[in-house]
């Protein structure tokens, strides 16, 4: 006898008839209610990570059991690994999961792909301007990963570029680009580091023709036996010093005079 809403917590077919005195009973009405287990969810969510992940799988359906796979196959209520605790993901992996319970329809299949990527290489010392040759090391925090690098402006890959085996001597202006890679993991992003090397500059026995020539250094510059011909000029502005040694000839000054200069490009 119906007296109020009927609670249905498992898959069921509800049938009903209505009747009244002096009237023929109604036809029987039927309605099937399929109660499905809630689809599993993953934490953390699918995505790209640079370290091993511990993935928890859950369903909001109380008492349901979960099975999962990591080999690309589709789990069912009878196939796959029964979930009992967080799944460790240390290489790029797709986890598929299903949840099921007695007298309920199995959940939909949930899927999450975890891309484990090698960490981007870092450089030491950092990019910058230096007054001497630098010994640059390249590293990644991903254990066992290999590194390739380039110095010609091209982009390295896991198969192109020079295989890193030790510190790189940087004695002139250049940009190092590097990538790290490891079997089972996604290649790292490409890291880059630009170095400008500006040293002490010694100008000896140099002859400048007509026109304007500019040199640059960040430390002291010593000029010896430098001759400026015709309409040639040396640009001197605020900055570092040039010591004009005996034998120096220039329209800008005489021997023994100290000028402040920014001199460009680098000449040794």
Protein backbone atom coordinates (compact mmCIF):
# COMPACT_ATOMS: atom_id res chain seq x y z
CA UNK A 1 0.00 0.00 0.00
CA UNK A 2 1.55 3.28 -1.07
CA UNK A 3 1.72 5.94 1.62
CA UNK A 4 4.67 8.14 0.56
CA UNK A 5 7.82 8.26 -1.56
CA UNK A 6 9.56 4.91 -2.06
CA UNK A 7 13.31 4.88 -1.31
CA UNK A 8 15.34 3.02 -3.91
CA UNK A 9 19.04 2.52 -3.11
CA UNK A 10 19.82 -0.39 -5.41
CA UNK A 11 18.83 -1.13 -8.98
CA UNK A 12 15.11 -2.04 -8.95
CA UNK A 13 11.93 -2.10 -11.01
CA UNK A 14 8.96 -0.46 -9.30
CA UNK A 15 5.48 -1.62 -10.38
CA UNK A 16 2.22 -0.02 -9.27
CA UNK A 17 -1.54 -0.38 -9.67
CA UNK A 18 -4.31 1.96 -8.61
CA UNK A 19 -7.85 0.88 -7.69
CA UNK A 20 -11.08 2.29 -6.30
CA UNK A 21 -14.46 0.85 -5.25
CA UNK A 22 -16.86 0.60 -8.15
CA UNK A 23 -14.12 1.10 -10.75
CA UNK A 24 -11.97 -1.23 -12.76
CA UNK A 25 -8.39 -1.46 -11.53
CA UNK A 26 -5.84 0.55 -13.46
CA UNK A 27 -3.27 -0.96 -15.75
CA UNK A 28 0.01 -1.81 -14.07
CA UNK A 29 2.71 0.87 -14.46
CA UNK A 30 6.37 -0.07 -14.25
CA UNK A 31 9.59 1.97 -13.89
CA UNK A 32 13.12 0.62 -13.65
CA UNK A 33 15.66 2.59 -11.61
CA UNK A 34 19.31 1.78 -12.23
CA UNK A 35 21.45 2.89 -9.31
CA UNK A 36 25.04 3.17 -10.48
CA UNK A 37 28.15 3.31 -8.36
CA UNK A 38 29.76 6.78 -8.53
CA UNK A 39 32.63 7.03 -11.00
CA UNK A 40 36.06 6.91 -9.31
CA UNK A 41 38.14 10.08 -9.00
CA UNK A 42 41.90 10.54 -8.72
CA UNK A 43 44.05 12.68 -6.44
CA UNK A 44 46.21 14.37 -7.53
CA UNK A 45 44.49 15.03 -10.84
CA UNK A 46 45.94 13.91 -14.15
CA UNK A 47 48.75 16.14 -15.41
CA UNK A 48 52.47 16.63 -15.93
CA UNK A 49 54.74 16.29 -12.92
CA UNK A 50 58.49 16.31 -12.37
CA UNK A 51 58.51 13.80 -9.52
CA UNK A 52 56.95 10.47 -8.56
CA UNK A 53 53.26 10.78 -7.64
CA UNK A 54 51.22 8.84 -5.08
CA UNK A 55 47.74 8.63 -6.61
CA UNK A 56 44.68 7.96 -4.46
CA UNK A 57 41.50 6.58 -6.10
CA UNK A 58 38.09 6.99 -4.47
CA UNK A 59 34.33 6.81 -5.04
CA UNK A 60 31.55 8.53 -3.14
CA UNK A 61 29.50 5.29 -3.07
CA UNK A 62 29.83 3.84 0.40
CA UNK A 63 30.99 0.22 0.49
CA UNK A 64 31.95 0.06 -3.20
CA UNK A 65 35.09 -1.74 -4.34
CA UNK A 66 37.50 -0.29 -6.90
CA UNK A 67 39.65 -2.08 -9.45
CA UNK A 68 42.26 -0.37 -11.61
CA UNK A 69 44.80 -1.02 -14.38
CA UNK A 70 48.02 0.71 -15.43
CA UNK A 71 48.74 -1.24 -18.63
CA UNK A 72 46.14 0.41 -20.87
CA UNK A 73 43.54 -2.35 -20.46
CA UNK A 74 39.99 -1.67 -19.25
CA UNK A 75 39.17 -2.83 -15.73
CA UNK A 76 35.90 -4.57 -14.83
CA UNK A 77 34.33 -5.81 -11.61
CA UNK A 78 36.34 -9.00 -12.05
CA UNK A 79 39.55 -7.87 -13.80
CA UNK A 80 42.28 -5.46 -12.81
CA UNK A 81 43.94 -4.86 -9.46
CA UNK A 82 41.70 -4.40 -6.42
CA UNK A 83 42.50 -0.96 -5.02
CA UNK A 84 43.80 -1.05 -1.47
CA UNK A 85 45.97 2.06 -1.23
CA UNK A 86 47.63 4.86 -3.19
CA UNK A 87 49.23 3.88 -6.51
CA UNK A 88 52.85 4.95 -7.00
CA UNK A 89 53.45 6.51 -10.42
CA UNK A 90 57.13 7.01 -11.23
CA UNK A 91 56.97 6.88 -15.03
CA UNK A 92 54.45 8.21 -17.53
CA UNK A 93 51.31 6.13 -16.86
CA UNK A 94 47.58 6.01 -17.56
CA UNK A 95 45.45 4.70 -14.68
CA UNK A 96 41.96 3.38 -15.44
CA UNK A 97 39.51 2.54 -12.66
CA UNK A 98 36.01 1.15 -12.10
CA UNK A 99 33.92 0.96 -8.92
CA UNK A 100 31.27 -1.67 -8.20
CA UNK A 101 28.91 -2.84 -5.43
CA UNK A 102 26.32 -5.58 -4.95
CA UNK A 103 22.87 -4.80 -6.43
CA UNK A 104 24.19 -1.65 -8.16
CA UNK A 105 25.31 -0.98 -11.68
CA UNK A 106 29.07 -0.74 -12.14
CA UNK A 107 30.42 2.79 -12.40
CA UNK A 108 31.67 4.35 -15.60
CA UNK A 109 35.37 3.86 -16.34
CA UNK A 110 37.54 6.71 -15.08
CA UNK A 111 40.91 7.43 -16.67
CA UNK A 112 43.83 9.70 -15.72
CA UNK A 113 47.18 10.08 -17.46
CA UNK A 114 50.22 11.14 -15.45
CA UNK A 115 53.16 12.44 -17.43
CA UNK A 116 56.33 12.30 -15.36
CA UNK A 117 58.80 14.75 -16.86
CA UNK A 118 62.51 15.07 -16.24
CA UNK A 119 63.29 18.31 -14.39
CA UNK A 120 64.63 21.17 -16.51
CA UNK A 121 68.43 21.48 -16.42
CA UNK A 122 69.98 24.28 -14.37
CA UNK A 123 73.32 26.02 -14.83
CA UNK A 124 76.05 27.02 -12.39
CA UNK A 125 77.19 29.73 -12.40
CA UNK A 126 74.00 31.47 -13.51
CA UNK A 127 73.70 33.43 -16.74
CA UNK A 128 75.36 36.83 -16.61
CA UNK A 129 78.35 38.99 -17.46
CA UNK A 130 81.75 37.83 -16.21
CA UNK A 131 85.28 39.19 -16.39
CA UNK A 132 86.95 35.79 -16.83
CA UNK A 133 86.45 32.38 -18.40
CA UNK A 134 83.71 30.38 -16.62
CA UNK A 135 83.46 26.65 -15.94
CA UNK A 136 79.74 25.95 -16.28
CA UNK A 137 78.11 22.84 -14.84
CA UNK A 138 74.68 21.62 -15.97
CA UNK A 139 72.49 19.45 -13.74
CA UNK A 140 69.00 18.04 -13.28
CA UNK A 141 67.38 16.80 -10.08
CA UNK A 142 66.04 13.71 -11.86
CA UNK A 143 68.30 10.83 -10.84
CA UNK A 144 69.77 8.88 -13.74
CA UNK A 145 68.78 11.40 -16.42
CA UNK A 146 71.19 12.27 -19.25
CA UNK A 147 71.75 15.80 -20.54
CA UNK A 148 72.51 17.11 -24.02
CA UNK A 149 73.48 20.70 -24.77
CA UNK A 150 74.24 23.08 -27.64
CA UNK A 151 76.30 26.25 -27.92
CA UNK A 152 75.36 27.33 -31.45
CA UNK A 153 71.84 28.61 -30.80
CA UNK A 154 70.12 25.39 -31.92
CA UNK A 155 67.65 23.52 -29.72
CA UNK A 156 68.95 20.26 -28.22
CA UNK A 157 66.84 17.10 -28.09
CA UNK A 158 67.36 13.68 -26.56
CA UNK A 159 69.15 12.67 -29.78
CA UNK A 160 70.84 15.90 -30.90
CA UNK A 161 73.42 18.11 -29.28
CA UNK A 162 76.51 17.24 -27.26
CA UNK A 163 76.14 14.69 -24.48
CA UNK A 164 77.06 16.43 -21.24
CA UNK A 165 79.89 14.73 -19.35
CA UNK A 166 81.43 17.50 -17.28
CA UNK A 167 81.88 21.27 -16.82
CA UNK A 168 81.90 23.37 -19.99
CA UNK A 169 84.55 26.04 -20.45
CA UNK A 170 82.95 29.31 -21.52
CA UNK A 171 85.61 31.78 -22.63
CA UNK A 172 83.57 33.93 -24.99
CA UNK A 173 80.02 35.19 -25.40
CA UNK A 174 77.61 32.30 -25.95
CA UNK A 175 74.28 30.81 -24.94
CA UNK A 176 74.11 27.29 -23.55
CA UNK A 177 70.87 25.38 -24.17
CA UNK A 178 70.27 22.01 -22.51
CA UNK A 179 67.68 19.25 -22.26
CA UNK A 180 67.51 16.30 -19.86
CA UNK A 181 65.93 12.94 -20.68
CA UNK A 182 65.42 9.46 -19.27
CA UNK A 183 63.73 6.28 -20.46
CA UNK A 184 60.07 6.10 -19.34
CA UNK A 185 59.87 9.83 -18.64
CA UNK A 186 58.95 12.79 -20.79
CA UNK A 187 61.91 14.92 -21.88
CA UNK A 188 62.49 18.03 -19.79
CA UNK A 189 61.83 21.52 -21.00
CA UNK A 190 64.85 23.17 -22.63
CA UNK A 191 66.86 25.35 -20.28
CA UNK A 192 69.05 28.20 -21.55
CA UNK A 193 71.74 30.37 -20.00
CA UNK A 194 73.52 33.26 -21.74
CA UNK A 195 77.07 34.25 -20.78
CA UNK A 196 78.89 37.46 -21.65
CA UNK A 197 82.64 37.32 -21.08
CA UNK A 198 84.40 40.71 -20.97
CA UNK A 199 88.04 40.72 -19.83
CA UNK A 200 90.88 43.16 -19.41
CA UNK A 201 91.81 44.50 -22.83
CA UNK A 202 95.37 45.06 -24.00
CA UNK A 203 95.76 47.11 -27.18
CA UNK A 204 99.26 46.63 -28.55
CA UNK A 205 100.83 47.67 -31.87
CA UNK A 206 97.37 48.25 -33.38
CA UNK A 207 96.69 50.67 -36.24
CA UNK A 208 93.21 52.11 -36.79
CA UNK A 209 92.19 53.45 -40.18
CA UNK A 210 89.69 56.18 -40.91
CA UNK A 211 86.26 56.01 -39.30
CA UNK A 212 85.13 55.49 -35.74
CA UNK A 213 86.04 52.32 -33.84
CA UNK A 214 84.56 51.51 -30.44
CA UNK A 215 85.87 48.88 -27.98
CA UNK A 216 84.28 47.64 -24.76
CA UNK A 217 85.61 46.12 -21.56
CA UNK A 218 84.51 46.10 -17.94
CA UNK A 219 88.01 46.13 -16.46
CA UNK A 220 91.20 48.13 -17.18
CA UNK A 221 92.38 48.61 -20.75
CA UNK A 222 96.05 49.24 -21.52
CA UNK A 223 97.07 50.84 -24.82
CA UNK A 224 100.64 50.47 -26.10
CA UNK A 225 101.93 51.60 -29.50
CA UNK A 226 98.40 52.23 -30.79
CA UNK A 227 98.34 54.51 -33.82
CA UNK A 228 95.25 56.32 -35.08
CA UNK A 229 95.54 57.35 -38.73
CA UNK A 230 93.75 60.05 -40.69
CA UNK A 231 90.22 60.80 -39.51
CA UNK A 232 89.96 57.73 -37.29
CA UNK A 233 88.58 58.33 -33.80
CA UNK A 234 88.38 56.44 -30.52
CA UNK A 235 85.18 56.94 -28.53
CA UNK A 236 85.81 57.66 -24.85
CA UNK A 237 82.84 57.93 -22.49
CA UNK A 238 82.31 57.49 -18.77
CA UNK A 239 83.16 54.05 -17.47
CA UNK A 240 86.49 52.25 -17.06
CA UNK A 241 90.00 53.60 -17.57
CA UNK A 242 92.44 53.42 -20.46
CA UNK A 243 96.09 53.96 -19.57
CA UNK A 244 97.96 55.42 -22.53
CA UNK A 245 101.45 53.94 -22.46
CA UNK A 246 104.64 55.37 -24.03
CA UNK A 247 104.53 55.22 -27.81
CA UNK A 248 100.77 55.73 -27.94
CA UNK A 249 99.68 58.21 -30.62
CA UNK A 250 96.10 59.49 -30.76
CA UNK A 251 94.33 62.75 -31.41
CA UNK A 252 92.45 62.20 -28.15
CA UNK A 253 95.45 62.74 -25.89
CA UNK A 254 99.10 62.11 -25.23
CA UNK A 255 101.25 59.51 -23.54
CA UNK A 256 100.49 58.99 -19.86
CA UNK A 257 96.96 60.44 -20.06
CA UNK A 258 94.14 58.44 -18.45
CA UNK A 259 90.74 58.38 -20.16
CA UNK A 260 87.40 56.89 -19.03
CA UNK A 261 85.99 54.63 -21.71
CA UNK A 262 83.43 52.08 -22.75
CA UNK A 263 85.09 50.08 -25.49
CA UNK A 264 83.21 47.70 -27.84
CA UNK A 265 83.52 45.02 -29.25
CA UNK A 266 85.76 42.79 -27.14
CA UNK A 267 89.32 42.52 -28.49
CA UNK A 268 92.16 40.61 -26.79
